[in-house]
Amino acid sequence: MTKTAVWWIRRDLRLTDNTALTAALAAAPQVLPLFILDPALLASAYVGEKRLAFLWAGLRQLDADLRQRGSYLVMRQGEATAVFTQLQQEIEIGAVFAAEDFSPYARQRDTAVSNHFQLHLLPGVVVQHPTEVLKQDGQPYTVFTPFSKAWRQRPLPSPADLLPAPAHIPTPANVTSLPIPERPFLTTAIPFQAGETAAQQRLDQFTATRIGAYKQDRDFVALDGTSALSPYLRFGMLSARQAVVAALTAYRQAITATTDADGKGPDTWLNELIWREFYVTILYHFPHVMRGSFRREYDAISWRNDAEEFAAWRSGQTGYPIVDAAMRQLQQSGWMHNRARM
């Protein structure tokens, strides 16, 4: 039986600039794209219908992209180690390749899988690994500004670093798969088309038309002044490296242009991408923030916990226009403007 490398898809629903997929293709003559539907995902209070609808649509688009390259997506459901154990009875797994994730749950899950299978974790979720941007004493940064300065001093990616999508993905035939769920589905109220093509188009449009004014326009929730790429970065329909390369490219173009562009828009957007990396680093080194305050003394704050007030806030009926507008936007679209979140 020919050994197969498994591309374990988690937060990298794309073929372009995918280090895990590229490594899998280099390691074995066959690659099986696998998405595991973890029961913990469906049970999580963090997962709503719109998020699931976007995920299902993204998986369907990824499957279509794979089929254009002679492959297909396999979906299984269950605890990861059990899924791989069952899959080993159907194909000979040489190794498993995945983009490294950094939540406490993901790290525990990956440790469990690595106890039974050869698991290779590759970069992709962030540009700089949480263990790479540290203070001189080896401790993690807990303040953003010095973190950002240190992050910028490290080697940064260029367009030449971005990996092309493979033209062909040889995949073992007839591996059974669960169907990708049809519901919940994306409605017209959700202004995000799933998939890496849509993500790249949104990135290109933003950098071509709005990034120059980003520094000032991002502060006004009534303007279409942000990238609105967060859903795509969350599910890896766009890599962090693709976004950073786009920001750096736009900055260089601005400062070398014969106009009065000063590069502040692209540089400010790059800083927002670095904020994302900062919080991943905080999560990695201080996992208690998943369930509590960074400063533990704040966990003792006494809240009113008024059920009626909470319901009014959730439904956008507090009487404070900016708060209500933000919550209604979230309810209708599944997304909220950055300044409204703050």
C-alpha atoms as a PDB file:
ATOM      1  CA  MET A   1       0.000   0.000   0.000  1.00  0.00           C
ATOM      2  CA  THR A   2       1.348   3.426  -0.978  1.00  0.00           C
ATOM      3  CA  LYS A   3       1.933   5.728   1.950  1.00  0.00           C
ATOM      4  CA  THR A   4      -0.244   8.824   1.989  1.00  0.00           C
ATOM      5  CA  ALA A   5       0.466  12.187   3.551  1.00  0.00           C
ATOM      6  CA  VAL A   6      -2.598  13.674   5.204  1.00  0.00           C
ATOM      7  CA  TRP A   7      -3.143  17.402   4.852  1.00  0.00           C
ATOM      8  CA  TRP A   8      -5.134  18.062   8.021  1.00  0.00           C
ATOM      9  CA  ILE A   9      -7.158  21.181   7.266  1.00  0.00           C
ATOM     10  CA  ARG A  10      -7.977  23.350  10.259  1.00  0.00           C
ATOM     11  CA  ARG A  11      -7.522  27.105   9.825  1.00  0.00           C
ATOM     12  CA  ASP A  12      -6.128  26.995   6.287  1.00  0.00           C
ATOM     13  CA  LEU A  13      -9.023  26.639   3.841  1.00  0.00           C
ATOM     14  CA  ARG A  14      -6.911  27.577   0.826  1.00  0.00           C
ATOM     15  CA  LEU A  15      -4.482  26.135  -1.705  1.00  0.00           C
ATOM     16  CA  THR A  16      -2.325  29.240  -2.226  1.00  0.00           C
ATOM     17  CA  ASP A  17       0.515  29.945   0.215  1.00  0.00           C
ATOM     18  CA  ASN A  18      -0.238  26.812   2.185  1.00  0.00           C
ATOM     19  CA  THR A  19       2.879  25.498   3.899  1.00  0.00           C
ATOM     20  CA  ALA A  20       1.180  22.370   5.252  1.00  0.00           C
ATOM     21  CA  LEU A  21      -0.138  21.335   1.835  1.00  0.00           C
ATOM     22  CA  THR A  22       3.197  22.091   0.173  1.00  0.00           C
ATOM     23  CA  ALA A  23       5.071  20.004   2.750  1.00  0.00           C
ATOM     24  CA  ALA A  24       2.617  17.125   2.375  1.00  0.00           C
ATOM     25  CA  LEU A  25       3.058  17.099  -1.405  1.00  0.00           C
ATOM     26  CA  ALA A  26       6.833  16.997  -0.978  1.00  0.00           C
ATOM     27  CA  ALA A  27       6.687  14.143   1.528  1.00  0.00           C
ATOM     28  CA  ALA A  28       4.572  11.507  -0.223  1.00  0.00           C
ATOM     29  CA  PRO A  29       3.306  10.478  -3.670  1.00  0.00           C
ATOM     30  CA  GLN A  30      -0.294  10.930  -2.518  1.00  0.00           C
ATOM     31  CA  VAL A  31      -1.982  13.542  -0.337  1.00  0.00           C
ATOM     32  CA  LEU A  32      -5.375  13.254   1.340  1.00  0.00           C
ATOM     33  CA  PRO A  33      -7.059  16.581   2.207  1.00  0.00           C
ATOM     34  CA  LEU A  34      -8.910  15.943   5.471  1.00  0.00           C
ATOM     35  CA  PHE A  35     -11.211  18.147   7.528  1.00  0.00           C
ATOM     36  CA  ILE A  36     -12.268  16.796  10.917  1.00  0.00           C
ATOM     37  CA  LEU A  37     -15.543  18.092  12.263  1.00  0.00           C
ATOM     38  CA  ASP A  38     -14.815  18.187  15.966  1.00  0.00           C
ATOM     39  CA  PRO A  39     -17.881  17.790  18.214  1.00  0.00           C
ATOM     40  CA  ALA A  40     -16.322  20.433  20.476  1.00  0.00           C
ATOM     41  CA  LEU A  41     -16.722  22.932  17.637  1.00  0.00           C
ATOM     42  CA  LEU A  42     -20.430  22.322  17.312  1.00  0.00           C
ATOM     43  CA  ALA A  43     -20.923  22.447  21.085  1.00  0.00           C
ATOM     44  CA  SER A  44     -18.961  25.656  21.599  1.00  0.00           C
ATOM     45  CA  ALA A  45     -20.818  28.768  22.711  1.00  0.00           C
ATOM     46  CA  TYR A  46     -18.463  30.730  20.455  1.00  0.00           C
ATOM     47  CA  VAL A  47     -19.885  29.135  17.309  1.00  0.00           C
ATOM     48  CA  GLY A  48     -23.063  30.625  15.875  1.00  0.00           C
ATOM     49  CA  GLU A  49     -25.073  29.851  12.770  1.00  0.00           C
ATOM     50  CA  LYS A  50     -23.420  32.504  10.606  1.00  0.00           C
ATOM     51  CA  ARG A  51     -19.961  31.272  11.469  1.00  0.00           C
ATOM     52  CA  LEU A  52     -20.949  27.705  10.627  1.00  0.00           C
ATOM     53  CA  ALA A  53     -22.597  28.829   7.392  1.00  0.00           C
ATOM     54  CA  PHE A  54     -19.390  30.586   6.352  1.00  0.00           C
ATOM     55  CA  LEU A  55     -17.334  27.510   7.250  1.00  0.00           C
ATOM     56  CA  TRP A  56     -19.577  25.121   5.293  1.00  0.00           C
ATOM     57  CA  ALA A  57     -19.494  27.414   2.264  1.00  0.00           C
ATOM     58  CA  GLY A  58     -15.720  27.659   2.544  1.00  0.00           C
ATOM     59  CA  LEU A  59     -15.361  23.886   2.647  1.00  0.00           C
ATOM     60  CA  ARG A  60     -17.592  23.490  -0.406  1.00  0.00           C
ATOM     61  CA  GLN A  61     -15.483  26.007  -2.303  1.00  0.00           C
ATOM     62  CA  LEU A  62     -12.280  24.290  -1.193  1.00  0.00           C
ATOM     63  CA  ASP A  63     -13.648  20.944  -2.370  1.00  0.00           C
ATOM     64  CA  ALA A  64     -14.450  22.481  -5.760  1.00  0.00           C
ATOM     65  CA  ASP A  65     -10.932  23.918  -5.995  1.00  0.00           C
ATOM     66  CA  LEU A  66      -9.454  20.536  -5.089  1.00  0.00           C
ATOM     67  CA  ARG A  67     -11.518  18.712  -7.708  1.00  0.00           C
ATOM     68  CA  GLN A  68     -10.103  21.018 -10.369  1.00  0.00           C
ATOM     69  CA  ARG A  69      -6.714  19.588  -9.397  1.00  0.00           C
ATOM     70  CA  GLY A  70      -7.626  15.916  -9.376  1.00  0.00           C
ATOM     71  CA  SER A  71      -8.314  15.750  -5.654  1.00  0.00           C
ATOM     72  CA  TYR A  72     -11.260  16.072  -3.277  1.00  0.00           C
ATOM     73  CA  LEU A  73     -12.053  16.953   0.318  1.00  0.00           C
ATOM     74  CA  VAL A  74     -12.669  14.223   2.876  1.00  0.00           C
ATOM     75  CA  MET A  75     -14.734  15.173   5.916  1.00  0.00           C
ATOM     76  CA  ARG A  76     -14.903  13.012   9.024  1.00  0.00           C
ATOM     77  CA  GLN A  77     -16.470  13.698  12.404  1.00  0.00           C
ATOM     78  CA  GLY A  78     -15.129  12.854  15.832  1.00  0.00           C
ATOM     79  CA  GLU A  79     -12.194  13.289  18.163  1.00  0.00           C
ATOM     80  CA  ALA A  80      -9.059  13.752  16.071  1.00  0.00           C
ATOM     81  CA  THR A  81      -6.989  10.799  17.311  1.00  0.00           C
ATOM     82  CA  ALA A  82      -9.938   8.442  16.860  1.00  0.00           C
ATOM     83  CA  VAL A  83     -10.529   9.743  13.332  1.00  0.00           C
ATOM     84  CA  PHE A  84      -6.899   9.155  12.348  1.00  0.00           C
ATOM     85  CA  THR A  85      -6.948   5.690  13.911  1.00  0.00           C
ATOM     86  CA  GLN A  86      -9.961   4.760  11.783  1.00  0.00           C
ATOM     87  CA  LEU A  87      -8.434   6.350   8.694  1.00  0.00           C
ATOM     88  CA  GLN A  88      -5.247   4.327   9.199  1.00  0.00           C
ATOM     89  CA  GLN A  89      -7.320   1.202   8.575  1.00  0.00           C
ATOM     90  CA  GLU A  90      -8.320   2.564   5.155  1.00  0.00           C
ATOM     91  CA  ILE A  91      -5.057   4.102   3.919  1.00  0.00           C
ATOM     92  CA  GLU A  92      -1.455   3.888   5.086  1.00  0.00           C
ATOM     93  CA  ILE A  93      -0.761   7.233   6.734  1.00  0.00           C
ATOM     94  CA  GLY A  94       2.866   8.208   6.315  1.00  0.00           C
ATOM     95  CA  ALA A  95       2.601  11.502   8.170  1.00  0.00           C
ATOM     96  CA  VAL A  96       0.131  14.254   8.981  1.00  0.00           C
ATOM     97  CA  PHE A  97       0.764  17.881   8.013  1.00  0.00           C
ATOM     98  CA  ALA A  98      -1.155  20.794   9.508  1.00  0.00           C
ATOM     99  CA  ALA A  99      -0.922  24.534  10.083  1.00  0.00           C
ATOM    100  CA  GLU A 100      -0.009  25.119  13.713  1.00  0.00           C
ATOM    101  CA  ASP A 101      -2.766  26.561  15.871  1.00  0.00           C
ATOM    102  CA  PHE A 102      -2.182  28.130  19.258  1.00  0.00           C
ATOM    103  CA  SER A 103      -5.291  27.884  21.440  1.00  0.00           C
ATOM    104  CA  PRO A 104      -5.014  25.683  24.537  1.00  0.00           C
ATOM    105  CA  TYR A 105      -7.531  23.244  23.049  1.00  0.00           C
ATOM    106  CA  ALA A 106      -5.651  23.039  19.738  1.00  0.00           C
ATOM    107  CA  ARG A 107      -2.327  22.444  21.463  1.00  0.00           C
ATOM    108  CA  GLN A 108      -3.770  19.675  23.638  1.00  0.00           C
ATOM    109  CA  ARG A 109      -5.451  18.078  20.615  1.00  0.00           C
ATOM    110  CA  ASP A 110      -2.251  18.181  18.568  1.00  0.00           C
ATOM    111  CA  THR A 111      -0.203  16.715  21.404  1.00  0.00           C
ATOM    112  CA  ALA A 112      -2.654  13.818  21.644  1.00  0.00           C
ATOM    113  CA  VAL A 113      -2.451  13.153  17.894  1.00  0.00           C
ATOM    114  CA  SER A 114       1.356  13.374  17.900  1.00  0.00           C
ATOM    115  CA  ASN A 115       1.487  10.600  20.505  1.00  0.00           C
ATOM    116  CA  HIS A 116       0.134   8.192  17.883  1.00  0.00           C
ATOM    117  CA  PHE A 117       0.986   9.671  14.480  1.00  0.00           C
ATOM    118  CA  GLN A 118       3.850  11.594  12.929  1.00  0.00           C
ATOM    119  CA  LEU A 119       2.492  15.139  13.023  1.00  0.00           C
ATOM    120  CA  HIS A 120       4.258  18.056  11.347  1.00  0.00           C
ATOM    121  CA  LEU A 121       3.042  21.519  12.362  1.00  0.00           C
ATOM    122  CA  LEU A 122       3.778  24.253   9.825  1.00  0.00           C
ATOM    123  CA  PRO A 123       3.473  28.063   9.939  1.00  0.00           C
ATOM    124  CA  GLY A 124       0.467  29.766   8.409  1.00  0.00           C
ATOM    125  CA  VAL A 125      -1.841  31.169  11.067  1.00  0.00           C
ATOM    126  CA  VAL A 126       0.655  33.912  11.942  1.00  0.00           C
ATOM    127  CA  VAL A 127       3.790  35.328  10.322  1.00  0.00           C
ATOM    128  CA  GLN A 128       5.959  35.320  13.453  1.00  0.00           C
ATOM    129  CA  HIS A 129       5.659  32.341  15.794  1.00  0.00           C
ATOM    130  CA  PRO A 130       4.745  33.252  19.397  1.00  0.00           C
ATOM    131  CA  THR A 131       8.142  31.985  20.556  1.00  0.00           C
ATOM    132  CA  GLU A 132      10.056  34.190  18.103  1.00  0.00           C
ATOM    133  CA  VAL A 133       9.138  37.703  19.238  1.00  0.00           C
ATOM    134  CA  LEU A 134      10.405  37.868  22.815  1.00  0.00           C
ATOM    135  CA  LYS A 135      12.103  40.379  25.099  1.00  0.00           C
ATOM    136  CA  GLN A 136      15.854  40.234  25.627  1.00  0.00           C
ATOM    137  CA  ASP A 137      15.326  38.190  28.788  1.00  0.00           C
ATOM    138  CA  GLY A 138      13.370  35.586  26.817  1.00  0.00           C
ATOM    139  CA  GLN A 139      10.019  36.567  28.298  1.00  0.00           C
ATOM    140  CA  PRO A 140       6.985  37.412  26.147  1.00  0.00           C
ATOM    141  CA  TYR A 141       5.928  40.983  25.575  1.00  0.00           C
ATOM    142  CA  THR A 142       2.787  42.067  27.393  1.00  0.00           C
ATOM    143  CA  VAL A 143       2.661  45.606  25.943  1.00  0.00           C
ATOM    144  CA  PHE A 144       1.892  46.094  22.271  1.00  0.00           C
ATOM    145  CA  THR A 145       4.208  48.946  21.221  1.00  0.00           C
ATOM    146  CA  PRO A 146       7.508  47.218  22.087  1.00  0.00           C
ATOM    147  CA  PHE A 147       6.114  43.976  20.630  1.00  0.00           C
ATOM    148  CA  SER A 148       5.318  45.750  17.373  1.00  0.00           C
ATOM    149  CA  LYS A 149       8.801  47.256  17.183  1.00  0.00           C
ATOM    150  CA  ALA A 150      10.418  43.872  17.806  1.00  0.00           C
ATOM    151  CA  TRP A 151       8.077  42.187  15.302  1.00  0.00           C
ATOM    152  CA  ARG A 152       9.028  44.674  12.587  1.00  0.00           C
ATOM    153  CA  GLN A 153      12.738  44.090  13.207  1.00  0.00           C
ATOM    154  CA  ARG A 154      12.468  40.410  12.340  1.00  0.00           C
ATOM    155  CA  PRO A 155      12.760  39.162   8.728  1.00  0.00           C
ATOM    156  CA  LEU A 156       9.515  40.012   6.938  1.00  0.00           C
ATOM    157  CA  PRO A 157       8.000  38.129   3.994  1.00  0.00           C
ATOM    158  CA  SER A 158       8.151  39.284   0.391  1.00  0.00           C
ATOM    159  CA  PRO A 159       5.976  38.396  -2.622  1.00  0.00           C
ATOM    160  CA  ALA A 160       8.570  35.782  -3.608  1.00  0.00           C
ATOM    161  CA  ASP A 161       7.875  33.910  -0.355  1.00  0.00           C
ATOM    162  CA  LEU A 162       4.219  33.268  -1.213  1.00  0.00           C
ATOM    163  CA  LEU A 163       3.660  29.680  -2.318  1.00  0.00           C
ATOM    164  CA  PRO A 164       1.629  29.083  -5.493  1.00  0.00           C
ATOM    165  CA  ALA A 165      -1.367  26.785  -5.462  1.00  0.00           C
ATOM    166  CA  PRO A 166      -0.364  23.327  -6.741  1.00  0.00           C
ATOM    167  CA  ALA A 167      -1.493  22.468 -10.261  1.00  0.00           C
ATOM    168  CA  HIS A 168      -2.224  18.844  -9.350  1.00  0.00           C
ATOM    169  CA  ILE A 169      -2.801  17.025  -6.054  1.00  0.00           C
ATOM    170  CA  PRO A 170      -2.606  13.220  -6.382  1.00  0.00           C
ATOM    171  CA  THR A 171      -5.097  11.735  -3.932  1.00  0.00           C
ATOM    172  CA  PRO A 172      -6.058   8.127  -3.160  1.00  0.00           C
ATOM    173  CA  ALA A 173      -9.396   7.250  -4.722  1.00  0.00           C
ATOM    174  CA  ASN A 174     -12.639   6.318  -3.030  1.00  0.00           C
ATOM    175  CA  VAL A 175     -11.913   7.395   0.540  1.00  0.00           C
ATOM    176  CA  THR A 176     -15.342   7.842   2.074  1.00  0.00           C
ATOM    177  CA  SER A 177     -16.444  11.232   3.317  1.00  0.00           C
ATOM    178  CA  LEU A 178     -19.340  12.742   5.175  1.00  0.00           C
ATOM    179  CA  PRO A 179     -21.276  15.272   3.112  1.00  0.00           C
ATOM    180  CA  ILE A 180     -20.541  18.912   3.847  1.00  0.00           C
ATOM    181  CA  PRO A 181     -23.588  20.188   5.761  1.00  0.00           C
ATOM    182  CA  GLU A 182     -26.027  22.313   3.791  1.00  0.00           C
ATOM    183  CA  ARG A 183     -27.410  24.162   6.809  1.00  0.00           C
ATOM    184  CA  PRO A 184     -27.017  26.702   8.116  1.00  0.00           C
ATOM    185  CA  PHE A 185     -26.322  28.394   4.785  1.00  0.00           C
ATOM    186  CA  LEU A 186     -25.041  31.827   3.815  1.00  0.00           C
ATOM    187  CA  THR A 187     -27.861  34.267   3.198  1.00  0.00           C
ATOM    188  CA  THR A 188     -27.713  37.509   1.248  1.00  0.00           C
ATOM    189  CA  ALA A 189     -27.636  39.353   4.588  1.00  0.00           C
ATOM    190  CA  ILE A 190     -24.098  38.042   5.144  1.00  0.00           C
ATOM    191  CA  PRO A 191     -21.811  40.207   2.976  1.00  0.00           C
ATOM    192  CA  PHE A 192     -19.028  37.645   2.711  1.00  0.00           C
ATOM    193  CA  GLN A 193     -18.575  35.139  -0.091  1.00  0.00           C
ATOM    194  CA  ALA A 194     -16.564  32.192   1.175  1.00  0.00           C
ATOM    195  CA  GLY A 195     -13.372  30.869  -0.372  1.00  0.00           C
ATOM    196  CA  GLU A 196      -9.847  31.972  -1.160  1.00  0.00           C
ATOM    197  CA  THR A 197     -10.781  33.554  -4.496  1.00  0.00           C
ATOM    198  CA  ALA A 198     -13.243  35.871  -2.756  1.00  0.00           C
ATOM    199  CA  ALA A 199     -10.653  36.587  -0.057  1.00  0.00           C
ATOM    200  CA  GLN A 200      -7.999  37.536  -2.597  1.00  0.00           C
ATOM    201  CA  GLN A 201     -10.439  39.715  -4.517  1.00  0.00           C
ATOM    202  CA  ARG A 202     -11.384  41.550  -1.315  1.00  0.00           C
ATOM    203  CA  LEU A 203      -7.711  42.027  -0.433  1.00  0.00           C
ATOM    204  CA  ASP A 204      -6.890  43.315  -3.921  1.00  0.00           C
ATOM    205  CA  GLN A 205      -9.821  45.724  -3.883  1.00  0.00           C
ATOM    206  CA  PHE A 206      -8.892  47.058  -0.454  1.00  0.00           C
ATOM    207  CA  THR A 207      -5.242  47.640  -1.311  1.00  0.00           C
ATOM    208  CA  ALA A 208      -6.148  49.220  -4.657  1.00  0.00           C
ATOM    209  CA  THR A 209      -8.850  51.612  -3.465  1.00  0.00           C
ATOM    210  CA  ARG A 210      -9.068  52.116   0.312  1.00  0.00           C
ATOM    211  CA  ILE A 211      -5.820  51.304   2.067  1.00  0.00           C
ATOM    212  CA  GLY A 212      -4.386  54.778   1.385  1.00  0.00           C
ATOM    213  CA  ALA A 213      -7.090  56.381   3.529  1.00  0.00           C
ATOM    214  CA  TYR A 214      -7.196  53.571   6.092  1.00  0.00           C
ATOM    215  CA  LYS A 215      -5.504  55.534   8.885  1.00  0.00           C
ATOM    216  CA  GLN A 216      -8.352  58.044   9.094  1.00  0.00           C
ATOM    217  CA  ASP A 217     -11.315  56.170   7.581  1.00  0.00           C
ATOM    218  CA  ARG A 218     -11.028  53.178   9.944  1.00  0.00           C
ATOM    219  CA  ASP A 219     -12.251  55.380  12.807  1.00  0.00           C
ATOM    220  CA  PHE A 220     -15.678  56.026  11.239  1.00  0.00           C
ATOM    221  CA  VAL A 221     -18.104  53.127  11.407  1.00  0.00           C
ATOM    222  CA  ALA A 222     -20.363  54.632   8.720  1.00  0.00           C
ATOM    223  CA  LEU A 223     -17.549  54.429   6.149  1.00  0.00           C
ATOM    224  CA  ASP A 224     -16.408  51.375   4.224  1.00  0.00           C
ATOM    225  CA  GLY A 225     -12.900  52.080   5.397  1.00  0.00           C
ATOM    226  CA  THR A 226     -11.636  48.749   6.745  1.00  0.00           C
ATOM    227  CA  SER A 227     -10.522  45.619   4.922  1.00  0.00           C
ATOM    228  CA  ALA A 228     -13.293  43.379   6.354  1.00  0.00           C
ATOM    229  CA  LEU A 229     -10.882  40.467   5.935  1.00  0.00           C
ATOM    230  CA  SER A 230     -11.209  39.088   9.465  1.00  0.00           C
ATOM    231  CA  PRO A 231     -13.475  36.133   8.512  1.00  0.00           C
ATOM    232  CA  TYR A 232     -11.014  35.085   5.815  1.00  0.00           C
ATOM    233  CA  LEU A 233      -8.023  35.326   8.128  1.00  0.00           C
ATOM    234  CA  ARG A 234      -9.901  33.422  10.825  1.00  0.00           C
ATOM    235  CA  PHE A 235     -10.510  30.418   8.572  1.00  0.00           C
ATOM    236  CA  GLY A 236      -7.310  30.767   6.591  1.00  0.00           C
ATOM    237  CA  MET A 237      -8.969  31.501   3.260  1.00  0.00           C
ATOM    238  CA  LEU A 238      -6.238  34.131   3.241  1.00  0.00           C
ATOM    239  CA  SER A 239      -2.897  33.535   4.950  1.00  0.00           C
ATOM    240  CA  ALA A 240      -1.449  35.984   7.440  1.00  0.00           C
ATOM    241  CA  ARG A 241       1.601  36.123   5.200  1.00  0.00           C
ATOM    242  CA  GLN A 242      -0.477  37.129   2.165  1.00  0.00           C
ATOM    243  CA  ALA A 243      -2.002  39.992   4.156  1.00  0.00           C
ATOM    244  CA  VAL A 244       1.345  41.204   5.503  1.00  0.00           C
ATOM    245  CA  VAL A 245       2.950  41.051   2.048  1.00  0.00           C
ATOM    246  CA  ALA A 246       0.044  43.098   0.653  1.00  0.00           C
ATOM    247  CA  ALA A 247       0.467  45.718   3.391  1.00  0.00           C
ATOM    248  CA  LEU A 248       4.227  45.963   2.880  1.00  0.00           C
ATOM    249  CA  THR A 249       3.821  46.155  -0.903  1.00  0.00           C
ATOM    250  CA  ALA A 250       1.222  48.919  -0.625  1.00  0.00           C
ATOM    251  CA  TYR A 251       3.494  50.820   1.763  1.00  0.00           C
ATOM    252  CA  ARG A 252       6.494  50.631  -0.567  1.00  0.00           C
ATOM    253  CA  GLN A 253       4.367  51.702  -3.518  1.00  0.00           C
ATOM    254  CA  ALA A 254       3.016  54.665  -1.554  1.00  0.00           C
ATOM    255  CA  ILE A 255       6.357  56.024  -0.397  1.00  0.00           C
ATOM    256  CA  THR A 256       7.919  55.678  -3.856  1.00  0.00           C
ATOM    257  CA  ALA A 257       4.969  57.147  -5.759  1.00  0.00           C
ATOM    258  CA  THR A 258       5.133  60.564  -7.408  1.00  0.00           C
ATOM    259  CA  THR A 259       2.033  61.652  -5.491  1.00  0.00           C
ATOM    260  CA  ASP A 260       1.725  63.035  -1.978  1.00  0.00           C
ATOM    261  CA  ALA A 261       0.985  59.561  -0.549  1.00  0.00           C
ATOM    262  CA  ASP A 262       2.886  59.026   2.681  1.00  0.00           C
ATOM    263  CA  GLY A 263       2.309  55.337   3.353  1.00  0.00           C
ATOM    264  CA  LYS A 264       0.475  55.957   6.623  1.00  0.00           C
ATOM    265  CA  GLY A 265      -2.577  53.989   5.493  1.00  0.00           C
ATOM    266  CA  PRO A 266      -0.721  50.760   4.635  1.00  0.00           C
ATOM    267  CA  ASP A 267       1.539  51.097   7.670  1.00  0.00           C
ATOM    268  CA  THR A 268      -1.451  51.533   9.981  1.00  0.00           C
ATOM    269  CA  TRP A 269      -3.115  48.456   8.492  1.00  0.00           C
ATOM    270  CA  LEU A 270       0.113  46.492   8.963  1.00  0.00           C
ATOM    271  CA  ASN A 271       0.026  47.541  12.605  1.00  0.00           C
ATOM    272  CA  GLU A 272      -3.479  46.089  12.901  1.00  0.00           C
ATOM    273  CA  LEU A 273      -2.176  42.786  11.512  1.00  0.00           C
ATOM    274  CA  ILE A 274       0.586  42.939  14.122  1.00  0.00           C
ATOM    275  CA  TRP A 275      -2.096  43.436  16.816  1.00  0.00           C
ATOM    276  CA  ARG A 276      -3.535  40.101  15.660  1.00  0.00           C
ATOM    277  CA  GLU A 277      -0.125  38.464  16.072  1.00  0.00           C
ATOM    278  CA  PHE A 278       0.295  40.107  19.472  1.00  0.00           C
ATOM    279  CA  TYR A 279      -2.902  38.576  20.801  1.00  0.00           C
ATOM    280  CA  VAL A 280      -1.973  35.151  19.428  1.00  0.00           C
ATOM    281  CA  THR A 281       1.295  35.518  21.329  1.00  0.00           C
ATOM    282  CA  ILE A 282      -0.571  36.502  24.496  1.00  0.00           C
ATOM    283  CA  LEU A 283      -2.854  33.477  24.110  1.00  0.00           C
ATOM    284  CA  TYR A 284       0.120  31.170  23.608  1.00  0.00           C
ATOM    285  CA  HIS A 285       2.029  32.327  26.678  1.00  0.00           C
ATOM    286  CA  PHE A 286      -0.946  33.159  28.917  1.00  0.00           C
ATOM    287  CA  PRO A 287      -3.647  30.599  28.021  1.00  0.00           C
ATOM    288  CA  HIS A 288      -5.789  31.605  30.998  1.00  0.00           C
ATOM    289  CA  VAL A 289      -7.039  34.554  28.900  1.00  0.00           C
ATOM    290  CA  MET A 290      -9.338  32.103  27.103  1.00  0.00           C
ATOM    291  CA  ARG A 291     -11.546  31.990  30.175  1.00  0.00           C
ATOM    292  CA  GLY A 292     -10.607  35.032  32.209  1.00  0.00           C
ATOM    293  CA  SER A 293      -8.914  38.402  32.386  1.00  0.00           C
ATOM    294  CA  PHE A 294      -5.254  38.848  31.555  1.00  0.00           C
ATOM    295  CA  ARG A 295      -4.847  40.437  34.971  1.00  0.00           C
ATOM    296  CA  ARG A 296      -6.455  37.888  37.237  1.00  0.00           C
ATOM    297  CA  GLU A 297      -7.549  40.448  39.825  1.00  0.00           C
ATOM    298  CA  TYR A 298     -10.115  41.697  37.315  1.00  0.00           C
ATOM    299  CA  ASP A 299     -11.886  38.344  37.478  1.00  0.00           C
ATOM    300  CA  ALA A 300     -13.188  39.466  40.876  1.00  0.00           C
ATOM    301  CA  ILE A 301     -15.149  42.388  39.426  1.00  0.00           C
ATOM    302  CA  SER A 302     -18.788  42.162  40.475  1.00  0.00           C
ATOM    303  CA  TRP A 303     -21.213  42.461  37.547  1.00  0.00           C
ATOM    304  CA  ARG A 304     -24.907  43.279  37.785  1.00  0.00           C
ATOM    305  CA  ASN A 305     -25.806  40.334  35.527  1.00  0.00           C
ATOM    306  CA  ASP A 306     -29.241  41.788  34.834  1.00  0.00           C
ATOM    307  CA  ALA A 307     -30.960  39.430  32.389  1.00  0.00           C
ATOM    308  CA  GLU A 308     -33.161  42.132  30.849  1.00  0.00           C
ATOM    309  CA  GLU A 309     -30.224  44.480  30.299  1.00  0.00           C
ATOM    310  CA  PHE A 310     -28.222  41.673  28.736  1.00  0.00           C
ATOM    311  CA  ALA A 311     -31.095  40.792  26.402  1.00  0.00           C
ATOM    312  CA  ALA A 312     -31.454  44.453  25.382  1.00  0.00           C
ATOM    313  CA  TRP A 313     -27.741  44.632  24.617  1.00  0.00           C
ATOM    314  CA  ARG A 314     -27.819  41.441  22.554  1.00  0.00           C
ATOM    315  CA  SER A 315     -30.773  42.614  20.497  1.00  0.00           C
ATOM    316  CA  GLY A 316     -29.495  46.165  19.983  1.00  0.00           C
ATOM    317  CA  GLN A 317     -32.206  47.771  22.104  1.00  0.00           C
ATOM    318  CA  THR A 318     -30.188  49.616  24.757  1.00  0.00           C
ATOM    319  CA  GLY A 319     -31.090  53.111  23.556  1.00  0.00           C
ATOM    320  CA  TYR A 320     -27.451  53.986  22.894  1.00  0.00           C
ATOM    321  CA  PRO A 321     -27.369  54.400  19.093  1.00  0.00           C
ATOM    322  CA  ILE A 322     -23.752  53.376  18.449  1.00  0.00           C
ATOM    323  CA  VAL A 323     -24.054  50.320  20.695  1.00  0.00           C
ATOM    324  CA  ASP A 324     -27.351  49.273  19.136  1.00  0.00           C
ATOM    325  CA  ALA A 325     -26.069  49.801  15.590  1.00  0.00           C
ATOM    326  CA  ALA A 326     -23.053  47.619  16.329  1.00  0.00           C
ATOM    327  CA  MET A 327     -25.109  44.789  17.790  1.00  0.00           C
ATOM    328  CA  ARG A 328     -27.640  44.900  14.966  1.00  0.00           C
ATOM    329  CA  GLN A 329     -24.830  44.751  12.432  1.00  0.00           C
ATOM    330  CA  LEU A 330     -23.466  41.689  14.216  1.00  0.00           C
ATOM    331  CA  GLN A 331     -26.895  40.045  14.320  1.00  0.00           C
ATOM    332  CA  GLN A 332     -27.602  40.629  10.653  1.00  0.00           C
ATOM    333  CA  SER A 333     -24.206  40.063   9.066  1.00  0.00           C
ATOM    334  CA  GLY A 334     -22.180  38.062  11.585  1.00  0.00           C
ATOM    335  CA  TRP A 335     -19.507  40.792  11.507  1.00  0.00           C
ATOM    336  CA  MET A 336     -18.890  43.982  13.457  1.00  0.00           C
ATOM    337  CA  HIS A 337     -16.752  47.008  12.572  1.00  0.00           C
ATOM    338  CA  ASN A 338     -13.481  47.172  14.479  1.00  0.00           C
ATOM    339  CA  ARG A 339     -14.265  50.487  16.154  1.00  0.00           C
ATOM    340  CA  ALA A 340     -17.717  49.255  17.139  1.00  0.00           C
ATOM    341  CA  ARG A 341     -16.114  46.233  18.807  1.00  0.00           C
ATOM    342  CA  MET A 342     -13.935  48.570  20.838  1.00  0.00           C
END
